[in-house]
């Protein structure tokens, strides 16, 4: 009967996440054509409104002001929601957004 193989136990490696001491958060360069990203446009709309908004309201405001339009996605409000949450998680206290209640965000003052 062959001997059982035992697994070596090693310290679990933690993945390097953006925003930790291991890997700095990258800042995006402005687009050469002057167009804003959805996150930049959302931050601008929130700063101008001064009150919490849902992502659907932000998308509508960005479209009416001509800041950003969806490139044809089916759910741009959900994509924006995910991007805002991702920024909140990665940047922490340095994030541009604050979640005020379920589904509503505002900018830092």
Protein backbone atom coordinates (compact mmCIF):
# COMPACT_ATOMS: atom_id res chain seq x y z
CA UNK A 1 0.00 0.00 0.00
CA UNK A 2 1.52 3.36 -1.06
CA UNK A 3 2.20 6.00 1.55
CA UNK A 4 -0.30 8.87 1.79
CA UNK A 5 0.87 12.16 0.42
CA UNK A 6 0.53 15.02 2.83
CA UNK A 7 -0.02 18.57 1.73
CA UNK A 8 2.45 21.15 2.90
CA UNK A 9 0.81 23.99 4.72
CA UNK A 10 2.13 27.39 3.86
CA UNK A 11 0.97 30.79 4.84
CA UNK A 12 -1.87 31.87 2.60
CA UNK A 13 -0.87 34.65 0.29
CA UNK A 14 -3.19 37.62 0.25
CA UNK A 15 -3.96 39.03 -3.18
CA UNK A 16 -2.68 42.53 -3.81
CA UNK A 17 -5.73 44.77 -4.13
CA UNK A 18 -5.71 48.25 -5.51
CA UNK A 19 -5.60 50.86 -2.82
CA UNK A 20 -3.50 48.85 -0.39
CA UNK A 21 0.06 49.63 0.57
CA UNK A 22 1.24 47.03 -1.93
CA UNK A 23 -0.27 48.59 -4.99
CA UNK A 24 -1.18 52.28 -5.40
CA UNK A 25 -4.48 53.28 -6.98
CA UNK A 26 -3.96 54.42 -10.53
CA UNK A 27 -5.38 57.72 -11.65
CA UNK A 28 -6.81 57.92 -15.12
CA UNK A 29 -5.50 60.43 -17.59
CA UNK A 30 -8.07 62.78 -19.13
CA UNK A 31 -9.35 61.69 -22.50
CA UNK A 32 -7.81 63.62 -25.38
CA UNK A 33 -11.20 64.38 -26.95
CA UNK A 34 -12.42 66.05 -23.72
CA UNK A 35 -15.27 63.60 -23.09
CA UNK A 36 -16.03 62.68 -19.50
CA UNK A 37 -16.29 59.13 -18.23
CA UNK A 38 -19.57 58.04 -16.67
CA UNK A 39 -18.07 58.33 -13.17
CA UNK A 40 -16.68 61.81 -13.81
CA UNK A 41 -19.98 62.95 -15.29
CA UNK A 42 -21.89 61.46 -12.33
CA UNK A 43 -19.63 63.29 -9.87
CA UNK A 44 -20.22 66.54 -11.74
CA UNK A 45 -24.01 66.07 -11.82
CA UNK A 46 -24.11 65.24 -8.11
CA UNK A 47 -21.97 68.24 -7.22
CA UNK A 48 -24.24 70.55 -9.23
CA UNK A 49 -27.47 69.13 -7.79
CA UNK A 50 -26.35 69.18 -4.16
CA UNK A 51 -28.78 66.44 -3.17
CA UNK A 52 -28.65 62.62 -3.19
CA UNK A 53 -29.66 60.95 -6.44
CA UNK A 54 -30.19 57.44 -7.72
CA UNK A 55 -28.04 56.23 -10.58
CA UNK A 56 -31.03 56.30 -12.93
CA UNK A 57 -31.57 59.99 -12.08
CA UNK A 58 -27.85 60.63 -12.63
CA UNK A 59 -27.93 58.96 -16.07
CA UNK A 60 -30.95 61.06 -17.10
CA UNK A 61 -29.31 64.28 -15.84
CA UNK A 62 -26.02 63.46 -17.60
CA UNK A 63 -27.87 62.86 -20.86
CA UNK A 64 -29.93 66.07 -20.67
CA UNK A 65 -26.84 68.15 -19.87
CA UNK A 66 -24.88 66.44 -22.65
CA UNK A 67 -22.11 65.29 -20.31
CA UNK A 68 -22.32 61.57 -21.10
CA UNK A 69 -24.54 59.24 -23.07
CA UNK A 70 -24.66 55.48 -22.96
CA UNK A 71 -22.84 53.80 -25.83
CA UNK A 72 -25.84 51.51 -26.27
CA UNK A 73 -25.80 49.44 -23.08
CA UNK A 74 -29.05 47.97 -21.83
CA UNK A 75 -28.60 48.96 -18.19
CA UNK A 76 -26.29 51.98 -17.85
CA UNK A 77 -27.74 52.87 -14.44
CA UNK A 78 -26.72 49.48 -13.03
CA UNK A 79 -23.26 49.77 -14.57
CA UNK A 80 -22.84 53.20 -12.98
CA UNK A 81 -24.07 51.85 -9.62
CA UNK A 82 -21.46 49.11 -9.75
CA UNK A 83 -18.71 51.55 -10.72
CA UNK A 84 -19.58 53.89 -7.85
CA UNK A 85 -19.55 51.02 -5.35
CA UNK A 86 -16.22 49.83 -6.75
CA UNK A 87 -14.75 53.31 -6.25
CA UNK A 88 -16.09 53.43 -2.69
CA UNK A 89 -14.47 50.08 -1.90
CA UNK A 90 -11.13 50.73 -3.61
CA UNK A 91 -10.58 54.33 -2.59
CA UNK A 92 -12.28 54.27 0.79
CA UNK A 93 -12.19 57.72 2.36
CA UNK A 94 -10.67 59.22 -0.80
CA UNK A 95 -13.70 58.30 -2.93
CA UNK A 96 -15.67 61.12 -4.55
CA UNK A 97 -19.03 59.58 -3.62
CA UNK A 98 -20.92 58.91 -0.40
CA UNK A 99 -23.80 56.44 -0.11
CA UNK A 100 -26.57 58.24 1.76
CA UNK A 101 -29.23 55.55 1.73
CA UNK A 102 -30.16 52.49 -0.26
CA UNK A 103 -29.63 53.30 -3.93
CA UNK A 104 -28.76 56.98 -3.42
CA UNK A 105 -25.41 58.72 -3.59
CA UNK A 106 -24.04 62.20 -3.17
CA UNK A 107 -20.61 63.78 -3.41
CA UNK A 108 -18.30 64.56 -0.54
CA UNK A 109 -18.59 68.06 0.73
